[in-house]
PDB file of N, CA and C in Angstrom:
ATOM      1  N   MET A   1     -12.624   2.420   9.840  1.00  0.00           N
ATOM      2  CA  MET A   1     -12.704   3.841  10.113  1.00  0.00           C
ATOM      3  C   MET A   1     -12.170   4.073  11.525  1.00  0.00           C
ATOM      4  N   ALA A   2     -11.352   5.088  11.665  1.00  0.00           N
ATOM      5  CA  ALA A   2     -10.817   5.434  12.981  1.00  0.00           C
ATOM      6  C   ALA A   2     -11.239   6.853  13.334  1.00  0.00           C
ATOM      7  N   THR A   3     -11.637   7.022  14.583  1.00  0.00           N
ATOM      8  CA  THR A   3     -11.956   8.335  15.141  1.00  0.00           C
ATOM      9  C   THR A   3     -11.202   8.470  16.463  1.00  0.00           C
ATOM     10  N   VAL A   4     -11.338   9.614  17.082  1.00  0.00           N
ATOM     11  CA  VAL A   4     -10.687   9.855  18.368  1.00  0.00           C
ATOM     12  C   VAL A   4     -11.757  10.172  19.407  1.00  0.00           C
ATOM     13  N   ARG A   5     -11.742   9.427  20.497  1.00  0.00           N
ATOM     14  CA  ARG A   5     -12.695   9.690  21.578  1.00  0.00           C
ATOM     15  C   ARG A   5     -12.347  10.994  22.284  1.00  0.00           C
ATOM     16  N   PRO A   6     -13.303  11.587  23.008  1.00  0.00           N
ATOM     17  CA  PRO A   6     -13.009  12.816  23.748  1.00  0.00           C
ATOM     18  C   PRO A   6     -11.839  12.690  24.728  1.00  0.00           C
ATOM     19  N   ASP A   7     -11.569  11.468  25.230  1.00  0.00           N
ATOM     20  CA  ASP A   7     -10.440  11.288  26.150  1.00  0.00           C
ATOM     21  C   ASP A   7      -9.117  11.086  25.415  1.00  0.00           C
ATOM     22  N   GLY A   8      -9.138  11.157  24.067  1.00  0.00           N
ATOM     23  CA  GLY A   8      -7.926  11.048  23.276  1.00  0.00           C
ATOM     24  C   GLY A   8      -7.614   9.650  22.768  1.00  0.00           C
ATOM     25  N   ALA A   9      -8.376   8.648  23.188  1.00  0.00           N
ATOM     26  CA  ALA A   9      -8.124   7.280  22.760  1.00  0.00           C
ATOM     27  C   ALA A   9      -8.656   7.059  21.335  1.00  0.00           C
ATOM     28  N   PRO A  10      -7.916   6.340  20.500  1.00  0.00           N
ATOM     29  CA  PRO A  10      -8.411   6.038  19.158  1.00  0.00           C
ATOM     30  C   PRO A  10      -9.461   4.931  19.209  1.00  0.00           C
ATOM     31  N   VAL A  11     -10.372   4.962  18.241  1.00  0.00           N
ATOM     32  CA  VAL A  11     -11.422   3.950  18.124  1.00  0.00           C
ATOM     33  C   VAL A  11     -11.524   3.573  16.651  1.00  0.00           C
ATOM     34  N   THR A  12     -11.611   2.287  16.368  1.00  0.00           N
ATOM     35  CA  THR A  12     -11.791   1.847  14.989  1.00  0.00           C
ATOM     36  C   THR A  12     -13.053   1.008  14.880  1.00  0.00           C
ATOM     37  N   LEU A  13     -13.642   1.020  13.693  1.00  0.00           N
ATOM     38  CA  LEU A  13     -14.799   0.187  13.405  1.00  0.00           C
ATOM     39  C   LEU A  13     -14.922   0.016  11.908  1.00  0.00           C
ATOM     40  N   ALA A  14     -15.508  -1.086  11.513  1.00  0.00           N
ATOM     41  CA  ALA A  14     -15.771  -1.315  10.089  1.00  0.00           C
ATOM     42  C   ALA A  14     -16.970  -0.467   9.689  1.00  0.00           C
ATOM     43  N   CYS A  15     -16.951   0.044   8.462  1.00  0.00           N
ATOM     44  CA  CYS A  15     -18.077   0.856   8.017  1.00  0.00           C
ATOM     45  C   CYS A  15     -18.187   0.833   6.500  1.00  0.00           C
ATOM     46  N   TRP A  16     -19.365   1.168   6.029  1.00  0.00           N
ATOM     47  CA  TRP A  16     -19.561   1.403   4.600  1.00  0.00           C
ATOM     48  C   TRP A  16     -19.100   2.811   4.287  1.00  0.00           C
ATOM     49  N   TYR A  17     -18.563   2.995   3.116  1.00  0.00           N
ATOM     50  CA  TYR A  17     -18.142   4.315   2.660  1.00  0.00           C
ATOM     51  C   TYR A  17     -18.434   4.386   1.170  1.00  0.00           C
ATOM     52  N   LEU A  18     -18.478   5.594   0.646  1.00  0.00           N
ATOM     53  CA  LEU A  18     -18.653   5.796  -0.785  1.00  0.00           C
ATOM     54  C   LEU A  18     -17.862   7.035  -1.180  1.00  0.00           C
ATOM     55  N   TYR A  19     -16.910   6.852  -2.087  1.00  0.00           N
ATOM     56  CA  TYR A  19     -16.167   8.008  -2.588  1.00  0.00           C
ATOM     57  C   TYR A  19     -17.147   8.827  -3.412  1.00  0.00           C
ATOM     58  N   ASP A  20     -17.307  10.087  -3.034  1.00  0.00           N
ATOM     59  CA  ASP A  20     -18.349  10.924  -3.615  1.00  0.00           C
ATOM     60  C   ASP A  20     -17.782  11.946  -4.597  1.00  0.00           C
ATOM     61  N   GLY A  21     -16.528  11.788  -4.982  1.00  0.00           N
ATOM     62  CA  GLY A  21     -15.896  12.725  -5.902  1.00  0.00           C
ATOM     63  C   GLY A  21     -15.422  13.968  -5.187  1.00  0.00           C
ATOM     64  N   ASP A  22     -14.671  14.797  -5.882  1.00  0.00           N
ATOM     65  CA  ASP A  22     -14.164  16.043  -5.309  1.00  0.00           C
ATOM     66  C   ASP A  22     -13.438  15.817  -3.988  1.00  0.00           C
ATOM     67  N   SER A  23     -12.737  14.690  -3.865  1.00  0.00           N
ATOM     68  CA  SER A  23     -11.969  14.356  -2.655  1.00  0.00           C
ATOM     69  C   SER A  23     -12.838  14.258  -1.415  1.00  0.00           C
ATOM     70  N   ARG A  24     -14.057  13.764  -1.574  1.00  0.00           N
ATOM     71  CA  ARG A  24     -14.973  13.602  -0.439  1.00  0.00           C
ATOM     72  C   ARG A  24     -15.487  12.175  -0.341  1.00  0.00           C
ATOM     73  N   VAL A  25     -15.702  11.752   0.899  1.00  0.00           N
ATOM     74  CA  VAL A  25     -16.206  10.414   1.185  1.00  0.00           C
ATOM     75  C   VAL A  25     -17.487  10.549   1.985  1.00  0.00           C
ATOM     76  N   LEU A  26     -18.501   9.774   1.586  1.00  0.00           N
ATOM     77  CA  LEU A  26     -19.789   9.770   2.281  1.00  0.00           C
ATOM     78  C   LEU A  26     -19.816   8.610   3.268  1.00  0.00           C
ATOM     79  N   LEU A  27     -20.220   8.910   4.496  1.00  0.00           N
ATOM     80  CA  LEU A  27     -20.418   7.905   5.548  1.00  0.00           C
ATOM     81  C   LEU A  27     -21.832   8.071   6.093  1.00  0.00           C
ATOM     82  N   SER A  28     -22.367   7.022   6.677  1.00  0.00           N
ATOM     83  CA  SER A  28     -23.702   7.094   7.261  1.00  0.00           C
ATOM     84  C   SER A  28     -23.705   6.380   8.602  1.00  0.00           C
ATOM     85  N   SER A  29     -24.526   6.879   9.515  1.00  0.00           N
ATOM     86  CA  SER A  29     -24.630   6.250  10.834  1.00  0.00           C
ATOM     87  C   SER A  29     -25.961   6.618  11.467  1.00  0.00           C
ATOM     88  N   SER A  30     -26.208   6.003  12.576  1.00  0.00           N
ATOM     89  CA  SER A  30     -27.328   6.414  13.407  1.00  0.00           C
ATOM     90  C   SER A  30     -26.964   7.754  14.043  1.00  0.00           C
ATOM     91  N   PRO A  31     -27.933   8.653  14.194  1.00  0.00           N
ATOM     92  CA  PRO A  31     -27.617   9.932  14.850  1.00  0.00           C
ATOM     93  C   PRO A  31     -27.141   9.764  16.293  1.00  0.00           C
ATOM     94  N   THR A  32     -27.429   8.619  16.906  1.00  0.00           N
ATOM     95  CA  THR A  32     -27.036   8.392  18.300  1.00  0.00           C
ATOM     96  C   THR A  32     -25.769   7.543  18.432  1.00  0.00           C
ATOM     97  N   ALA A  33     -25.117   7.221  17.324  1.00  0.00           N
ATOM     98  CA  ALA A  33     -23.900   6.410  17.380  1.00  0.00           C
ATOM     99  C   ALA A  33     -22.794   7.171  18.111  1.00  0.00           C
ATOM    100  N   ARG A  34     -21.999   6.452  18.850  1.00  0.00           N
ATOM    101  CA  ARG A  34     -20.903   7.082  19.600  1.00  0.00           C
ATOM    102  C   ARG A  34     -19.931   7.809  18.694  1.00  0.00           C
ATOM    103  N   ARG A  35     -19.711   7.280  17.489  1.00  0.00           N
ATOM    104  CA  ARG A  35     -18.757   7.929  16.579  1.00  0.00           C
ATOM    105  C   ARG A  35     -19.200   9.332  16.206  1.00  0.00           C
ATOM    106  N   VAL A  36     -20.519   9.597  16.241  1.00  0.00           N
ATOM    107  CA  VAL A  36     -21.021  10.947  15.949  1.00  0.00           C
ATOM    108  C   VAL A  36     -20.493  11.922  16.989  1.00  0.00           C
ATOM    109  N   GLU A  37     -20.546  11.527  18.261  1.00  0.00           N
ATOM    110  CA  GLU A  37     -19.990  12.361  19.339  1.00  0.00           C
ATOM    111  C   GLU A  37     -18.491  12.535  19.161  1.00  0.00           C
ATOM    112  N   HIS A  38     -17.793  11.448  18.804  1.00  0.00           N
ATOM    113  CA  HIS A  38     -16.342  11.528  18.597  1.00  0.00           C
ATOM    114  C   HIS A  38     -16.014  12.539  17.514  1.00  0.00           C
ATOM    115  N   LEU A  39     -16.757  12.494  16.399  1.00  0.00           N
ATOM    116  CA  LEU A  39     -16.481  13.382  15.270  1.00  0.00           C
ATOM    117  C   LEU A  39     -16.828  14.833  15.574  1.00  0.00           C
ATOM    118  N   ARG A  40     -17.812  15.053  16.418  1.00  0.00           N
ATOM    119  CA  ARG A  40     -18.133  16.433  16.806  1.00  0.00           C
ATOM    120  C   ARG A  40     -17.049  17.007  17.709  1.00  0.00           C
ATOM    121  N   HIS A  41     -16.460  16.151  18.523  1.00  0.00           N
ATOM    122  CA  HIS A  41     -15.390  16.580  19.419  1.00  0.00           C
ATOM    123  C   HIS A  41     -14.074  16.773  18.660  1.00  0.00           C
ATOM    124  N   ASN A  42     -13.796  15.846  17.725  1.00  0.00           N
ATOM    125  CA  ASN A  42     -12.560  15.876  16.955  1.00  0.00           C
ATOM    126  C   ASN A  42     -12.897  15.371  15.550  1.00  0.00           C
ATOM    127  N   PRO A  43     -12.934  16.234  14.560  1.00  0.00           N
ATOM    128  CA  PRO A  43     -13.434  15.860  13.233  1.00  0.00           C
ATOM    129  C   PRO A  43     -12.459  15.059  12.365  1.00  0.00           C
ATOM    130  N   ARG A  44     -11.322  14.651  12.908  1.00  0.00           N
ATOM    131  CA  ARG A  44     -10.359  13.895  12.102  1.00  0.00           C
ATOM    132  C   ARG A  44     -10.785  12.438  11.958  1.00  0.00           C
ATOM    133  N   VAL A  45     -10.571  11.908  10.744  1.00  0.00           N
ATOM    134  CA  VAL A  45     -10.976  10.544  10.405  1.00  0.00           C
ATOM    135  C   VAL A  45      -9.853   9.860   9.626  1.00  0.00           C
ATOM    136  N   ALA A  46      -9.689   8.573   9.848  1.00  0.00           N
ATOM    137  CA  ALA A  46      -8.821   7.746   9.017  1.00  0.00           C
ATOM    138  C   ALA A  46      -9.648   6.553   8.546  1.00  0.00           C
ATOM    139  N   LEU A  47      -9.482   6.193   7.290  1.00  0.00           N
ATOM    140  CA  LEU A  47     -10.174   5.035   6.710  1.00  0.00           C
ATOM    141  C   LEU A  47      -9.137   4.135   6.065  1.00  0.00           C
ATOM    142  N   THR A  48      -9.291   2.837   6.219  1.00  0.00           N
ATOM    143  CA  THR A  48      -8.446   1.878   5.526  1.00  0.00           C
ATOM    144  C   THR A  48      -9.344   1.017   4.656  1.00  0.00           C
ATOM    145  N   ILE A  49      -8.994   0.942   3.384  1.00  0.00           N
ATOM    146  CA  ILE A  49      -9.760   0.172   2.407  1.00  0.00           C
ATOM    147  C   ILE A  49      -8.847  -0.949   1.928  1.00  0.00           C
ATOM    148  N   LEU A  50      -9.293  -2.190   2.152  1.00  0.00           N
ATOM    149  CA  LEU A  50      -8.489  -3.343   1.770  1.00  0.00           C
ATOM    150  C   LEU A  50      -8.712  -3.695   0.308  1.00  0.00           C
ATOM    151  N   GLY A  51      -7.654  -4.141  -0.357  1.00  0.00           N
ATOM    152  CA  GLY A  51      -7.746  -4.630  -1.722  1.00  0.00           C
ATOM    153  C   GLY A  51      -8.103  -6.103  -1.725  1.00  0.00           C
ATOM    154  N   ASP A  52      -7.583  -6.823  -2.682  1.00  0.00           N
ATOM    155  CA  ASP A  52      -7.898  -8.246  -2.818  1.00  0.00           C
ATOM    156  C   ASP A  52      -7.216  -9.106  -1.764  1.00  0.00           C
ATOM    157  N   ASP A  53      -6.200  -8.575  -1.091  1.00  0.00           N
ATOM    158  CA  ASP A  53      -5.546  -9.320  -0.019  1.00  0.00           C
ATOM    159  C   ASP A  53      -5.100  -8.326   1.058  1.00  0.00           C
ATOM    160  N   TRP A  54      -4.583  -8.844   2.160  1.00  0.00           N
ATOM    161  CA  TRP A  54      -4.189  -8.004   3.292  1.00  0.00           C
ATOM    162  C   TRP A  54      -2.999  -7.113   2.970  1.00  0.00           C
ATOM    163  N   TYR A  55      -2.287  -7.422   1.903  1.00  0.00           N
ATOM    164  CA  TYR A  55      -1.080  -6.670   1.575  1.00  0.00           C
ATOM    165  C   TYR A  55      -1.330  -5.556   0.563  1.00  0.00           C
ATOM    166  N   THR A  56      -2.584  -5.343   0.204  1.00  0.00           N
ATOM    167  CA  THR A  56      -2.949  -4.264  -0.706  1.00  0.00           C
ATOM    168  C   THR A  56      -3.997  -3.416  -0.014  1.00  0.00           C
ATOM    169  N   HIS A  57      -3.671  -2.164   0.226  1.00  0.00           N
ATOM    170  CA  HIS A  57      -4.647  -1.301   0.897  1.00  0.00           C
ATOM    171  C   HIS A  57      -4.452   0.160   0.497  1.00  0.00           C
ATOM    172  N   LEU A  58      -5.495   0.914   0.778  1.00  0.00           N
ATOM    173  CA  LEU A  58      -5.504   2.359   0.595  1.00  0.00           C
ATOM    174  C   LEU A  58      -5.872   2.963   1.941  1.00  0.00           C
ATOM    175  N   SER A  59      -5.051   3.827   2.453  1.00  0.00           N
ATOM    176  CA  SER A  59      -5.328   4.507   3.722  1.00  0.00           C
ATOM    177  C   SER A  59      -5.639   5.967   3.431  1.00  0.00           C
ATOM    178  N   LEU A  60      -6.760   6.438   3.933  1.00  0.00           N
ATOM    179  CA  LEU A  60      -7.213   7.809   3.718  1.00  0.00           C
ATOM    180  C   LEU A  60      -7.185   8.581   5.026  1.00  0.00           C
ATOM    181  N   LEU A  61      -6.775   9.832   4.971  1.00  0.00           N
ATOM    182  CA  LEU A  61      -6.850  10.744   6.108  1.00  0.00           C
ATOM    183  C   LEU A  61      -7.735  11.911   5.703  1.00  0.00           C
ATOM    184  N   GLY A  62      -8.620  12.332   6.599  1.00  0.00           N
ATOM    185  CA  GLY A  62      -9.497  13.438   6.265  1.00  0.00           C
ATOM    186  C   GLY A  62     -10.111  14.064   7.496  1.00  0.00           C
ATOM    187  N   HIS A  63     -11.030  14.987   7.226  1.00  0.00           N
ATOM    188  CA  HIS A  63     -11.729  15.660   8.316  1.00  0.00           C
ATOM    189  C   HIS A  63     -13.181  15.886   7.900  1.00  0.00           C
ATOM    190  N   VAL A  64     -14.051  15.902   8.883  1.00  0.00           N
ATOM    191  CA  VAL A  64     -15.478  16.093   8.639  1.00  0.00           C
ATOM    192  C   VAL A  64     -15.728  17.536   8.214  1.00  0.00           C
ATOM    193  N   VAL A  65     -16.443  17.693   7.091  1.00  0.00           N
ATOM    194  CA  VAL A  65     -16.824  19.025   6.637  1.00  0.00           C
ATOM    195  C   VAL A  65     -18.333  19.233   6.721  1.00  0.00           C
ATOM    196  N   GLU A  66     -19.071  18.153   6.926  1.00  0.00           N
ATOM    197  CA  GLU A  66     -20.530  18.288   7.016  1.00  0.00           C
ATOM    198  C   GLU A  66     -21.126  17.071   7.702  1.00  0.00           C
ATOM    199  N   GLN A  67     -22.113  17.334   8.542  1.00  0.00           N
ATOM    200  CA  GLN A  67     -22.981  16.301   9.092  1.00  0.00           C
ATOM    201  C   GLN A  67     -24.404  16.808   8.921  1.00  0.00           C
ATOM    202  N   ARG A  68     -25.263  15.940   8.369  1.00  0.00           N
ATOM    203  CA  ARG A  68     -26.643  16.368   8.113  1.00  0.00           C
ATOM    204  C   ARG A  68     -27.586  15.194   8.321  1.00  0.00           C
ATOM    205  N   PRO A  69     -28.826  15.494   8.720  1.00  0.00           N
ATOM    206  CA  PRO A  69     -29.815  14.426   8.862  1.00  0.00           C
ATOM    207  C   PRO A  69     -30.081  13.759   7.515  1.00  0.00           C
ATOM    208  N   ASP A  70     -30.311  12.477   7.557  1.00  0.00           N
ATOM    209  CA  ASP A  70     -30.700  11.710   6.372  1.00  0.00           C
ATOM    210  C   ASP A  70     -32.094  11.146   6.630  1.00  0.00           C
ATOM    211  N   ALA A  71     -33.058  12.053   6.823  1.00  0.00           N
ATOM    212  CA  ALA A  71     -34.417  11.670   7.211  1.00  0.00           C
ATOM    213  C   ALA A  71     -35.098  10.802   6.164  1.00  0.00           C
ATOM    214  N   ASP A  72     -34.842  11.074   4.888  1.00  0.00           N
ATOM    215  CA  ASP A  72     -35.483  10.278   3.834  1.00  0.00           C
ATOM    216  C   ASP A  72     -34.627   9.076   3.417  1.00  0.00           C
ATOM    217  N   LEU A  73     -33.500   8.871   4.077  1.00  0.00           N
ATOM    218  CA  LEU A  73     -32.600   7.727   3.892  1.00  0.00           C
ATOM    219  C   LEU A  73     -31.955   7.665   2.500  1.00  0.00           C
ATOM    220  N   THR A  74     -31.871   8.790   1.826  1.00  0.00           N
ATOM    221  CA  THR A  74     -31.270   8.833   0.497  1.00  0.00           C
ATOM    222  C   THR A  74     -29.824   8.355   0.516  1.00  0.00           C
ATOM    223  N   ASP A  75     -29.042   8.858   1.462  1.00  0.00           N
ATOM    224  CA  ASP A  75     -27.619   8.526   1.493  1.00  0.00           C
ATOM    225  C   ASP A  75     -27.365   7.095   1.945  1.00  0.00           C
ATOM    226  N   VAL A  76     -28.048   6.647   2.974  1.00  0.00           N
ATOM    227  CA  VAL A  76     -27.831   5.264   3.420  1.00  0.00           C
ATOM    228  C   VAL A  76     -28.335   4.281   2.367  1.00  0.00           C
ATOM    229  N   ASP A  77     -29.370   4.640   1.628  1.00  0.00           N
ATOM    230  CA  ASP A  77     -29.827   3.779   0.538  1.00  0.00           C
ATOM    231  C   ASP A  77     -28.786   3.714  -0.582  1.00  0.00           C
ATOM    232  N   ARG A  78     -28.100   4.823  -0.861  1.00  0.00           N
ATOM    233  CA  ARG A  78     -27.005   4.799  -1.844  1.00  0.00           C
ATOM    234  C   ARG A  78     -25.905   3.834  -1.421  1.00  0.00           C
ATOM    235  N   LEU A  79     -25.544   3.901  -0.157  1.00  0.00           N
ATOM    236  CA  LEU A  79     -24.527   2.982   0.363  1.00  0.00           C
ATOM    237  C   LEU A  79     -25.002   1.536   0.290  1.00  0.00           C
ATOM    238  N   SER A  80     -26.221   1.286   0.705  1.00  0.00           N
ATOM    239  CA  SER A  80     -26.761  -0.064   0.702  1.00  0.00           C
ATOM    240  C   SER A  80     -26.869  -0.618  -0.719  1.00  0.00           C
ATOM    241  N   GLN A  81     -27.288   0.227  -1.662  1.00  0.00           N
ATOM    242  CA  GLN A  81     -27.344  -0.207  -3.062  1.00  0.00           C
ATOM    243  C   GLN A  81     -25.940  -0.597  -3.543  1.00  0.00           C
ATOM    244  N   HIS A  82     -24.950   0.188  -3.140  1.00  0.00           N
ATOM    245  CA  HIS A  82     -23.572  -0.077  -3.540  1.00  0.00           C
ATOM    246  C   HIS A  82     -23.072  -1.416  -2.981  1.00  0.00           C
ATOM    247  N   TYR A  83     -23.359  -1.698  -1.713  1.00  0.00           N
ATOM    248  CA  TYR A  83     -22.835  -2.892  -1.053  1.00  0.00           C
ATOM    249  C   TYR A  83     -23.741  -4.112  -1.172  1.00  0.00           C
ATOM    250  N   LEU A  84     -25.062  -3.904  -1.101  1.00  0.00           N
ATOM    251  CA  LEU A  84     -25.993  -5.036  -1.074  1.00  0.00           C
ATOM    252  C   LEU A  84     -26.880  -5.151  -2.311  1.00  0.00           C
ATOM    253  N   GLY A  85     -26.994  -4.042  -3.066  1.00  0.00           N
ATOM    254  CA  GLY A  85     -27.862  -4.045  -4.232  1.00  0.00           C
ATOM    255  C   GLY A  85     -29.328  -3.826  -3.915  1.00  0.00           C
ATOM    256  N   ILE A  86     -29.628  -3.427  -2.674  1.00  0.00           N
ATOM    257  CA  ILE A  86     -31.012  -3.168  -2.247  1.00  0.00           C
ATOM    258  C   ILE A  86     -31.026  -1.935  -1.347  1.00  0.00           C
ATOM    259  N   PRO A  87     -32.206  -1.283  -1.182  1.00  0.00           N
ATOM    260  CA  PRO A  87     -32.300  -0.195  -0.205  1.00  0.00           C
ATOM    261  C   PRO A  87     -31.985  -0.719   1.201  1.00  0.00           C
ATOM    262  N   TYR A  88     -31.523   0.173   2.055  1.00  0.00           N
ATOM    263  CA  TYR A  88     -31.164  -0.227   3.419  1.00  0.00           C
ATOM    264  C   TYR A  88     -32.397  -0.768   4.132  1.00  0.00           C
ATOM    265  N   PRO A  89     -32.314  -1.968   4.720  1.00  0.00           N
ATOM    266  CA  PRO A  89     -33.502  -2.591   5.301  1.00  0.00           C
ATOM    267  C   PRO A  89     -34.070  -1.884   6.544  1.00  0.00           C
ATOM    268  N   GLU A  90     -33.211  -1.294   7.366  1.00  0.00           N
ATOM    269  CA  GLU A  90     -33.712  -0.589   8.556  1.00  0.00           C
ATOM    270  C   GLU A  90     -34.136   0.811   8.132  1.00  0.00           C
ATOM    271  N   ARG A  91     -35.338   1.215   8.464  1.00  0.00           N
ATOM    272  CA  ARG A  91     -35.883   2.469   7.939  1.00  0.00           C
ATOM    273  C   ARG A  91     -35.932   3.592   8.970  1.00  0.00           C
ATOM    274  N   GLU A  92     -35.006   3.588   9.926  1.00  0.00           N
ATOM    275  CA  GLU A  92     -34.899   4.680  10.893  1.00  0.00           C
ATOM    276  C   GLU A  92     -34.077   5.808  10.291  1.00  0.00           C
ATOM    277  N   PRO A  93     -34.444   7.071  10.524  1.00  0.00           N
ATOM    278  CA  PRO A  93     -33.641   8.184   9.998  1.00  0.00           C
ATOM    279  C   PRO A  93     -32.195   8.104  10.460  1.00  0.00           C
ATOM    280  N   GLY A  94     -31.296   8.477   9.567  1.00  0.00           N
ATOM    281  CA  GLY A  94     -29.879   8.386   9.860  1.00  0.00           C
ATOM    282  C   GLY A  94     -29.201   9.745   9.846  1.00  0.00           C
ATOM    283  N   LEU A  95     -27.888   9.701   9.884  1.00  0.00           N
ATOM    284  CA  LEU A  95     -27.068  10.899   9.840  1.00  0.00           C
ATOM    285  C   LEU A  95     -25.985  10.682   8.789  1.00  0.00           C
ATOM    286  N   THR A  96     -25.845  11.621   7.888  1.00  0.00           N
ATOM    287  CA  THR A  96     -24.811  11.570   6.855  1.00  0.00           C
ATOM    288  C   THR A  96     -23.620  12.400   7.308  1.00  0.00           C
ATOM    289  N   THR A  97     -22.443  11.844   7.115  1.00  0.00           N
ATOM    290  CA  THR A  97     -21.203  12.555   7.399  1.00  0.00           C
ATOM    291  C   THR A  97     -20.401  12.624   6.111  1.00  0.00           C
ATOM    292  N   ILE A  98     -19.935  13.824   5.771  1.00  0.00           N
ATOM    293  CA  ILE A  98     -19.083  14.015   4.605  1.00  0.00           C
ATOM    294  C   ILE A  98     -17.669  14.318   5.102  1.00  0.00           C
ATOM    295  N   VAL A  99     -16.720  13.531   4.629  1.00  0.00           N
ATOM    296  CA  VAL A  99     -15.317  13.681   4.999  1.00  0.00           C
ATOM    297  C   VAL A  99     -14.554  14.194   3.785  1.00  0.00           C
ATOM    298  N   GLU A 100     -13.823  15.275   3.973  1.00  0.00           N
ATOM    299  CA  GLU A 100     -12.944  15.782   2.921  1.00  0.00           C
ATOM    300  C   GLU A 100     -11.555  15.192   3.142  1.00  0.00           C
ATOM    301  N   LEU A 101     -10.984  14.667   2.077  1.00  0.00           N
ATOM    302  CA  LEU A 101      -9.688  14.000   2.185  1.00  0.00           C
ATOM    303  C   LEU A 101      -8.549  15.007   2.268  1.00  0.00           C
ATOM    304  N   ASP A 102      -7.626  14.726   3.185  1.00  0.00           N
ATOM    305  CA  ASP A 102      -6.421  15.537   3.354  1.00  0.00           C
ATOM    306  C   ASP A 102      -5.201  14.845   2.762  1.00  0.00           C
ATOM    307  N   GLY A 103      -5.262  13.531   2.649  1.00  0.00           N
ATOM    308  CA  GLY A 103      -4.136  12.788   2.109  1.00  0.00           C
ATOM    309  C   GLY A 103      -4.453  11.309   2.046  1.00  0.00           C
ATOM    310  N   TYR A 104      -3.540  10.550   1.416  1.00  0.00           N
ATOM    311  CA  TYR A 104      -3.730   9.111   1.307  1.00  0.00           C
ATOM    312  C   TYR A 104      -2.380   8.432   1.150  1.00  0.00           C
ATOM    313  N   HIS A 105      -2.385   7.129   1.351  1.00  0.00           N
ATOM    314  CA  HIS A 105      -1.197   6.302   1.167  1.00  0.00           C
ATOM    315  C   HIS A 105      -1.674   4.974   0.603  1.00  0.00           C
ATOM    316  N   THR A 106      -0.984   4.452  -0.398  1.00  0.00           N
ATOM    317  CA  THR A 106      -1.319   3.148  -0.937  1.00  0.00           C
ATOM    318  C   THR A 106      -0.180   2.183  -0.646  1.00  0.00           C
ATOM    319  N   TYR A 107      -0.539   0.924  -0.566  1.00  0.00           N
ATOM    320  CA  TYR A 107       0.457  -0.127  -0.399  1.00  0.00           C
ATOM    321  C   TYR A 107       0.029  -1.306  -1.250  1.00  0.00           C
ATOM    322  N   GLY A 108       0.935  -1.889  -1.970  1.00  0.00           N
ATOM    323  CA  GLY A 108       0.613  -3.000  -2.845  1.00  0.00           C
ATOM    324  C   GLY A 108       0.283  -2.512  -4.246  1.00  0.00           C
ATOM    325  N   SER A 109      -0.129  -3.432  -5.084  1.00  0.00           N
ATOM    326  CA  SER A 109      -0.336  -3.105  -6.489  1.00  0.00           C
ATOM    327  C   SER A 109      -1.795  -2.948  -6.883  1.00  0.00           C
ATOM    328  N   GLY A 110      -2.729  -3.004  -5.946  1.00  0.00           N
ATOM    329  CA  GLY A 110      -4.136  -2.998  -6.293  1.00  0.00           C
ATOM    330  C   GLY A 110      -4.785  -1.626  -6.410  1.00  0.00           C
ATOM    331  N   PHE A 111      -4.105  -0.565  -6.001  1.00  0.00           N
ATOM    332  CA  PHE A 111      -4.675   0.773  -6.050  1.00  0.00           C
ATOM    333  C   PHE A 111      -3.769   1.696  -6.846  1.00  0.00           C
ATOM    334  N   GLY A 112      -4.322   2.403  -7.807  1.00  0.00           N
ATOM    335  CA  GLY A 112      -3.547   3.386  -8.560  1.00  0.00           C
ATOM    336  C   GLY A 112      -3.436   4.674  -7.791  1.00  0.00           C
ATOM    337  N   THR A 113      -2.573   5.532  -8.209  1.00  0.00           N
ATOM    338  CA  THR A 113      -2.429   6.821  -7.537  1.00  0.00           C
ATOM    339  C   THR A 113      -3.133   7.905  -8.314  1.00  0.00           C
TER     340      THR A 113
END
């Protein structure tokens, strides 16, 4: 995931994501994570999803359309179930970010259009 810092510098980090349909992607973070500040300053996001090898990927471009508290951990538990098969082990309230997709690019044969 890539965001833009207030000083204009790009920042990338690995993250869990879940395609939520209707051209939207669900992300979760701590409410105090630096990326939350970055997204409030500049809501543009880029995500790269790797396929089975480094030469197959899907790149997504989008913008934040919603940020909301995840006090009951519903959204982070959905992500954790998807990736780990269990509820998220840390039980601190989180923040859900919804990104609406503006475009995408695929490379390689592992992703359909």
